[in-house]
Amino acid sequence: GVDPREFRTAPLWGLRDTGPYLHDGSAETAEAAVLEGHFGEATAARTAFEALDADGRAKIVEFLMSL
């Protein structure tokens, strides 16, 4: 059971082929999905991503797109 205010995260396999992102397609990029769509339980993930420098963020996005 998922609370009506929660969203189930879809598996990340094939992420590069599934944009736009988020449950409503409101994020054009994976980076935008992390920065604009991660609140509540995902706040720590967004905060950690924000703390990375540009190279670190690029490496995370590159990894996600390789799945």
PDB file of N, CA and C in Angstrom:
ATOM      1  N   GLY A   1       0.789  -1.182   0.000  1.00  0.00           N
ATOM      2  CA  GLY A   1       0.000   0.000   0.000  1.00  0.00           C
ATOM      3  C   GLY A   1       0.842   1.260   0.000  1.00  0.00           C
ATOM      4  N   VAL A   2       0.559   2.095  -0.956  1.00  0.00           N
ATOM      5  CA  VAL A   2       1.218   3.384  -1.058  1.00  0.00           C
ATOM      6  C   VAL A   2       0.221   4.454  -0.676  1.00  0.00           C
ATOM      7  N   ASP A   3       0.651   5.347   0.186  1.00  0.00           N
ATOM      8  CA  ASP A   3      -0.175   6.481   0.565  1.00  0.00           C
ATOM      9  C   ASP A   3      -0.459   7.313  -0.689  1.00  0.00           C
ATOM     10  N   PRO A   4      -1.637   7.876  -0.839  1.00  0.00           N
ATOM     11  CA  PRO A   4      -1.963   8.666  -2.032  1.00  0.00           C
ATOM     12  C   PRO A   4      -1.009   9.843  -2.273  1.00  0.00           C
ATOM     13  N   ARG A   5      -0.298  10.271  -1.250  1.00  0.00           N
ATOM     14  CA  ARG A   5       0.651  11.379  -1.400  1.00  0.00           C
ATOM     15  C   ARG A   5       2.045  10.893  -1.791  1.00  0.00           C
ATOM     16  N   GLU A   6       2.230   9.588  -1.948  1.00  0.00           N
ATOM     17  CA  GLU A   6       3.525   9.011  -2.284  1.00  0.00           C
ATOM     18  C   GLU A   6       3.534   8.494  -3.718  1.00  0.00           C
ATOM     19  N   PHE A   7       4.737   8.337  -4.247  1.00  0.00           N
ATOM     20  CA  PHE A   7       4.900   7.784  -5.592  1.00  0.00           C
ATOM     21  C   PHE A   7       5.855   6.621  -5.510  1.00  0.00           C
ATOM     22  N   ARG A   8       5.572   5.582  -6.246  1.00  0.00           N
ATOM     23  CA  ARG A   8       6.497   4.453  -6.352  1.00  0.00           C
ATOM     24  C   ARG A   8       7.527   4.802  -7.413  1.00  0.00           C
ATOM     25  N   THR A   9       8.780   4.579  -7.079  1.00  0.00           N
ATOM     26  CA  THR A   9       9.845   4.842  -8.026  1.00  0.00           C
ATOM     27  C   THR A   9       9.932   3.674  -9.010  1.00  0.00           C
ATOM     28  N   ALA A  10       9.876   4.004 -10.266  1.00  0.00           N
ATOM     29  CA  ALA A  10      10.013   2.967 -11.292  1.00  0.00           C
ATOM     30  C   ALA A  10      11.453   2.475 -11.303  1.00  0.00           C
ATOM     31  N   PRO A  11      11.678   1.220 -11.706  1.00  0.00           N
ATOM     32  CA  PRO A  11      13.055   0.723 -11.808  1.00  0.00           C
ATOM     33  C   PRO A  11      13.874   1.631 -12.733  1.00  0.00           C
ATOM     34  N   LEU A  12      15.148   1.770 -12.438  1.00  0.00           N
ATOM     35  CA  LEU A  12      16.001   2.662 -13.218  1.00  0.00           C
ATOM     36  C   LEU A  12      16.621   2.011 -14.443  1.00  0.00           C
ATOM     37  N   TRP A  13      16.460   0.693 -14.603  1.00  0.00           N
ATOM     38  CA  TRP A  13      17.004   0.035 -15.795  1.00  0.00           C
ATOM     39  C   TRP A  13      16.370   0.648 -17.027  1.00  0.00           C
ATOM     40  N   GLY A  14      17.186   1.031 -18.001  1.00  0.00           N
ATOM     41  CA  GLY A  14      16.681   1.622 -19.236  1.00  0.00           C
ATOM     42  C   GLY A  14      16.293   3.082 -19.101  1.00  0.00           C
ATOM     43  N   LEU A  15      16.754   3.731 -18.065  1.00  0.00           N
ATOM     44  CA  LEU A  15      16.394   5.129 -17.807  1.00  0.00           C
ATOM     45  C   LEU A  15      16.639   6.012 -19.018  1.00  0.00           C
ATOM     46  N   ARG A  16      17.743   5.781 -19.729  1.00  0.00           N
ATOM     47  CA  ARG A  16      18.093   6.637 -20.861  1.00  0.00           C
ATOM     48  C   ARG A  16      17.021   6.630 -21.943  1.00  0.00           C
ATOM     49  N   ASP A  17      16.198   5.620 -21.959  1.00  0.00           N
ATOM     50  CA  ASP A  17      15.175   5.488 -23.001  1.00  0.00           C
ATOM     51  C   ASP A  17      13.778   5.880 -22.541  1.00  0.00           C
ATOM     52  N   THR A  18      13.661   6.435 -21.344  1.00  0.00           N
ATOM     53  CA  THR A  18      12.319   6.626 -20.786  1.00  0.00           C
ATOM     54  C   THR A  18      11.925   8.080 -20.534  1.00  0.00           C
ATOM     55  N   GLY A  19      12.758   9.058 -20.897  1.00  0.00           N
ATOM     56  CA  GLY A  19      12.422  10.456 -20.636  1.00  0.00           C
ATOM     57  C   GLY A  19      11.191  10.890 -21.411  1.00  0.00           C
ATOM     58  N   PRO A  20      10.521  11.939 -21.013  1.00  0.00           N
ATOM     59  CA  PRO A  20      10.817  12.755 -19.848  1.00  0.00           C
ATOM     60  C   PRO A  20      10.558  11.976 -18.554  1.00  0.00           C
ATOM     61  N   TYR A  21      11.014  12.544 -17.468  1.00  0.00           N
ATOM     62  CA  TYR A  21      11.071  11.817 -16.203  1.00  0.00           C
ATOM     63  C   TYR A  21      10.068  12.330 -15.173  1.00  0.00           C
ATOM     64  N   LEU A  22       9.982  11.607 -14.096  1.00  0.00           N
ATOM     65  CA  LEU A  22       9.049  11.770 -12.976  1.00  0.00           C
ATOM     66  C   LEU A  22       7.687  11.209 -13.367  1.00  0.00           C
ATOM     67  N   HIS A  23       6.848  11.042 -12.402  1.00  0.00           N
ATOM     68  CA  HIS A  23       5.561  10.385 -12.625  1.00  0.00           C
ATOM     69  C   HIS A  23       4.697  11.114 -13.643  1.00  0.00           C
ATOM     70  N   ASP A  24       4.922  12.426 -13.784  1.00  0.00           N
ATOM     71  CA  ASP A  24       4.091  13.222 -14.683  1.00  0.00           C
ATOM     72  C   ASP A  24       4.849  13.742 -15.902  1.00  0.00           C
ATOM     73  N   GLY A  25       6.094  13.294 -16.070  1.00  0.00           N
ATOM     74  CA  GLY A  25       6.886  13.723 -17.213  1.00  0.00           C
ATOM     75  C   GLY A  25       7.343  15.166 -17.145  1.00  0.00           C
ATOM     76  N   SER A  26       7.358  15.741 -15.964  1.00  0.00           N
ATOM     77  CA  SER A  26       7.686  17.169 -15.830  1.00  0.00           C
ATOM     78  C   SER A  26       9.176  17.478 -15.847  1.00  0.00           C
ATOM     79  N   ALA A  27      10.029  16.481 -15.787  1.00  0.00           N
ATOM     80  CA  ALA A  27      11.486  16.709 -15.810  1.00  0.00           C
ATOM     81  C   ALA A  27      12.035  16.233 -17.152  1.00  0.00           C
ATOM     82  N   GLU A  28      12.631  17.139 -17.882  1.00  0.00           N
ATOM     83  CA  GLU A  28      13.168  16.808 -19.204  1.00  0.00           C
ATOM     84  C   GLU A  28      14.442  15.980 -19.128  1.00  0.00           C
ATOM     85  N   THR A  29      15.193  16.115 -18.030  1.00  0.00           N
ATOM     86  CA  THR A  29      16.461  15.397 -17.886  1.00  0.00           C
ATOM     87  C   THR A  29      16.479  14.644 -16.558  1.00  0.00           C
ATOM     88  N   ALA A  30      17.405  13.678 -16.465  1.00  0.00           N
ATOM     89  CA  ALA A  30      17.552  12.946 -15.208  1.00  0.00           C
ATOM     90  C   ALA A  30      18.016  13.893 -14.100  1.00  0.00           C
ATOM     91  N   GLU A  31      18.907  14.827 -14.432  1.00  0.00           N
ATOM     92  CA  GLU A  31      19.368  15.788 -13.424  1.00  0.00           C
ATOM     93  C   GLU A  31      18.206  16.631 -12.913  1.00  0.00           C
ATOM     94  N   ALA A  32      17.363  17.092 -13.795  1.00  0.00           N
ATOM     95  CA  ALA A  32      16.195  17.863 -13.373  1.00  0.00           C
ATOM     96  C   ALA A  32      15.277  17.025 -12.494  1.00  0.00           C
ATOM     97  N   ALA A  33      15.153  15.748 -12.797  1.00  0.00           N
ATOM     98  CA  ALA A  33      14.309  14.873 -11.976  1.00  0.00           C
ATOM     99  C   ALA A  33      14.828  14.807 -10.548  1.00  0.00           C
ATOM    100  N   VAL A  34      16.138  14.716 -10.385  1.00  0.00           N
ATOM    101  CA  VAL A  34      16.720  14.661  -9.039  1.00  0.00           C
ATOM    102  C   VAL A  34      16.516  15.996  -8.336  1.00  0.00           C
ATOM    103  N   LEU A  35      16.821  17.087  -9.013  1.00  0.00           N
ATOM    104  CA  LEU A  35      16.795  18.403  -8.376  1.00  0.00           C
ATOM    105  C   LEU A  35      15.392  18.947  -8.150  1.00  0.00           C
ATOM    106  N   GLU A  36      14.479  18.636  -9.037  1.00  0.00           N
ATOM    107  CA  GLU A  36      13.142  19.234  -8.967  1.00  0.00           C
ATOM    108  C   GLU A  36      12.069  18.296  -8.428  1.00  0.00           C
ATOM    109  N   GLY A  37      12.379  17.010  -8.352  1.00  0.00           N
ATOM    110  CA  GLY A  37      11.329  16.078  -7.997  1.00  0.00           C
ATOM    111  C   GLY A  37      11.597  15.217  -6.787  1.00  0.00           C
ATOM    112  N   HIS A  38      12.638  15.506  -6.043  1.00  0.00           N
ATOM    113  CA  HIS A  38      12.968  14.661  -4.901  1.00  0.00           C
ATOM    114  C   HIS A  38      12.812  15.426  -3.591  1.00  0.00           C
ATOM    115  N   PHE A  39      11.717  15.145  -2.920  1.00  0.00           N
ATOM    116  CA  PHE A  39      11.394  15.759  -1.639  1.00  0.00           C
ATOM    117  C   PHE A  39      10.969  14.660  -0.684  1.00  0.00           C
ATOM    118  N   GLY A  40      10.563  15.004   0.503  1.00  0.00           N
ATOM    119  CA  GLY A  40      10.121  13.997   1.460  1.00  0.00           C
ATOM    120  C   GLY A  40      11.225  13.004   1.753  1.00  0.00           C
ATOM    121  N   GLU A  41      10.937  11.723   1.555  1.00  0.00           N
ATOM    122  CA  GLU A  41      11.916  10.668   1.833  1.00  0.00           C
ATOM    123  C   GLU A  41      13.163  10.794   0.968  1.00  0.00           C
ATOM    124  N   ALA A  42      13.058  11.452  -0.169  1.00  0.00           N
ATOM    125  CA  ALA A  42      14.185  11.561  -1.104  1.00  0.00           C
ATOM    126  C   ALA A  42      14.992  12.840  -0.922  1.00  0.00           C
ATOM    127  N   THR A  43      14.669  13.644   0.071  1.00  0.00           N
ATOM    128  CA  THR A  43      15.387  14.902   0.287  1.00  0.00           C
ATOM    129  C   THR A  43      16.879  14.673   0.494  1.00  0.00           C
ATOM    130  N   ALA A  44      17.247  13.655   1.230  1.00  0.00           N
ATOM    131  CA  ALA A  44      18.672  13.394   1.477  1.00  0.00           C
ATOM    132  C   ALA A  44      19.414  13.098   0.170  1.00  0.00           C
ATOM    133  N   ALA A  45      18.784  12.374  -0.740  1.00  0.00           N
ATOM    134  CA  ALA A  45      19.414  12.075  -2.027  1.00  0.00           C
ATOM    135  C   ALA A  45      19.600  13.355  -2.828  1.00  0.00           C
ATOM    136  N   ARG A  46      18.583  14.209  -2.856  1.00  0.00           N
ATOM    137  CA  ARG A  46      18.685  15.478  -3.576  1.00  0.00           C
ATOM    138  C   ARG A  46      19.767  16.354  -2.964  1.00  0.00           C
ATOM    139  N   THR A  47      19.809  16.442  -1.643  1.00  0.00           N
ATOM    140  CA  THR A  47      20.797  17.265  -0.958  1.00  0.00           C
ATOM    141  C   THR A  47      22.211  16.783  -1.252  1.00  0.00           C
ATOM    142  N   ALA A  48      22.422  15.480  -1.250  1.00  0.00           N
ATOM    143  CA  ALA A  48      23.743  14.925  -1.553  1.00  0.00           C
ATOM    144  C   ALA A  48      24.132  15.231  -2.995  1.00  0.00           C
ATOM    145  N   PHE A  49      23.185  15.128  -3.916  1.00  0.00           N
ATOM    146  CA  PHE A  49      23.449  15.435  -5.318  1.00  0.00           C
ATOM    147  C   PHE A  49      23.796  16.907  -5.487  1.00  0.00           C
ATOM    148  N   GLU A  50      23.058  17.771  -4.806  1.00  0.00           N
ATOM    149  CA  GLU A  50      23.316  19.215  -4.874  1.00  0.00           C
ATOM    150  C   GLU A  50      24.702  19.566  -4.341  1.00  0.00           C
ATOM    151  N   ALA A  51      25.196  18.792  -3.395  1.00  0.00           N
ATOM    152  CA  ALA A  51      26.496  19.070  -2.779  1.00  0.00           C
ATOM    153  C   ALA A  51      27.668  18.716  -3.691  1.00  0.00           C
ATOM    154  N   LEU A  52      27.417  17.944  -4.740  1.00  0.00           N
ATOM    155  CA  LEU A  52      28.482  17.557  -5.661  1.00  0.00           C
ATOM    156  C   LEU A  52      28.865  18.734  -6.553  1.00  0.00           C
ATOM    157  N   ASP A  53      30.114  18.730  -7.012  1.00  0.00           N
ATOM    158  CA  ASP A  53      30.503  19.721  -8.009  1.00  0.00           C
ATOM    159  C   ASP A  53      29.951  19.272  -9.367  1.00  0.00           C
ATOM    160  N   ALA A  54      30.139  20.096 -10.386  1.00  0.00           N
ATOM    161  CA  ALA A  54      29.579  19.795 -11.711  1.00  0.00           C
ATOM    162  C   ALA A  54      30.080  18.459 -12.246  1.00  0.00           C
ATOM    163  N   ASP A  55      31.364  18.151 -12.030  1.00  0.00           N
ATOM    164  CA  ASP A  55      31.920  16.887 -12.502  1.00  0.00           C
ATOM    165  C   ASP A  55      31.265  15.701 -11.788  1.00  0.00           C
ATOM    166  N   GLY A  56      31.078  15.819 -10.490  1.00  0.00           N
ATOM    167  CA  GLY A  56      30.433  14.755  -9.722  1.00  0.00           C
ATOM    168  C   GLY A  56      29.009  14.512 -10.179  1.00  0.00           C
ATOM    169  N   ARG A  57      28.268  15.590 -10.412  1.00  0.00           N
ATOM    170  CA  ARG A  57      26.895  15.451 -10.906  1.00  0.00           C
ATOM    171  C   ARG A  57      26.886  14.778 -12.271  1.00  0.00           C
ATOM    172  N   ALA A  58      27.811  15.196 -13.138  1.00  0.00           N
ATOM    173  CA  ALA A  58      27.881  14.618 -14.480  1.00  0.00           C
ATOM    174  C   ALA A  58      28.162  13.120 -14.416  1.00  0.00           C
ATOM    175  N   LYS A  59      29.021  12.719 -13.490  1.00  0.00           N
ATOM    176  CA  LYS A  59      29.340  11.291 -13.352  1.00  0.00           C
ATOM    177  C   LYS A  59      28.129  10.497 -12.879  1.00  0.00           C
ATOM    178  N   ILE A  60      27.357  11.056 -11.974  1.00  0.00           N
ATOM    179  CA  ILE A  60      26.143  10.376 -11.498  1.00  0.00           C
ATOM    180  C   ILE A  60      25.149  10.229 -12.650  1.00  0.00           C
ATOM    181  N   VAL A  61      24.949  11.303 -13.401  1.00  0.00           N
ATOM    182  CA  VAL A  61      24.017  11.251 -14.527  1.00  0.00           C
ATOM    183  C   VAL A  61      24.513  10.255 -15.575  1.00  0.00           C
ATOM    184  N   GLU A  62      25.813  10.252 -15.844  1.00  0.00           N
ATOM    185  CA  GLU A  62      26.386   9.297 -16.798  1.00  0.00           C
ATOM    186  C   GLU A  62      26.115   7.859 -16.342  1.00  0.00           C
ATOM    187  N   PHE A  63      26.301   7.603 -15.040  1.00  0.00           N
ATOM    188  CA  PHE A  63      26.012   6.278 -14.512  1.00  0.00           C
ATOM    189  C   PHE A  63      24.539   5.914 -14.701  1.00  0.00           C
ATOM    190  N   LEU A  64      23.644   6.834 -14.334  1.00  0.00           N
ATOM    191  CA  LEU A  64      22.220   6.561 -14.472  1.00  0.00           C
ATOM    192  C   LEU A  64      21.849   6.255 -15.915  1.00  0.00           C
ATOM    193  N   MET A  65      22.440   6.975 -16.845  1.00  0.00           N
ATOM    194  CA  MET A  65      22.138   6.769 -18.257  1.00  0.00           C
ATOM    195  C   MET A  65      22.754   5.481 -18.796  1.00  0.00           C
ATOM    196  N   SER A  66      23.650   4.863 -18.027  1.00  0.00           N
ATOM    197  CA  SER A  66      24.251   3.610 -18.467  1.00  0.00           C
ATOM    198  C   SER A  66      23.439   2.391 -18.039  1.00  0.00           C
ATOM    199  N   LEU A  67      22.457   2.601 -17.199  1.00  0.00           N
ATOM    200  CA  LEU A  67      21.661   1.473 -16.687  1.00  0.00           C
ATOM    201  C   LEU A  67      20.760   0.903 -17.760  1.00  0.00           C
TER     202      LEU A  67
END
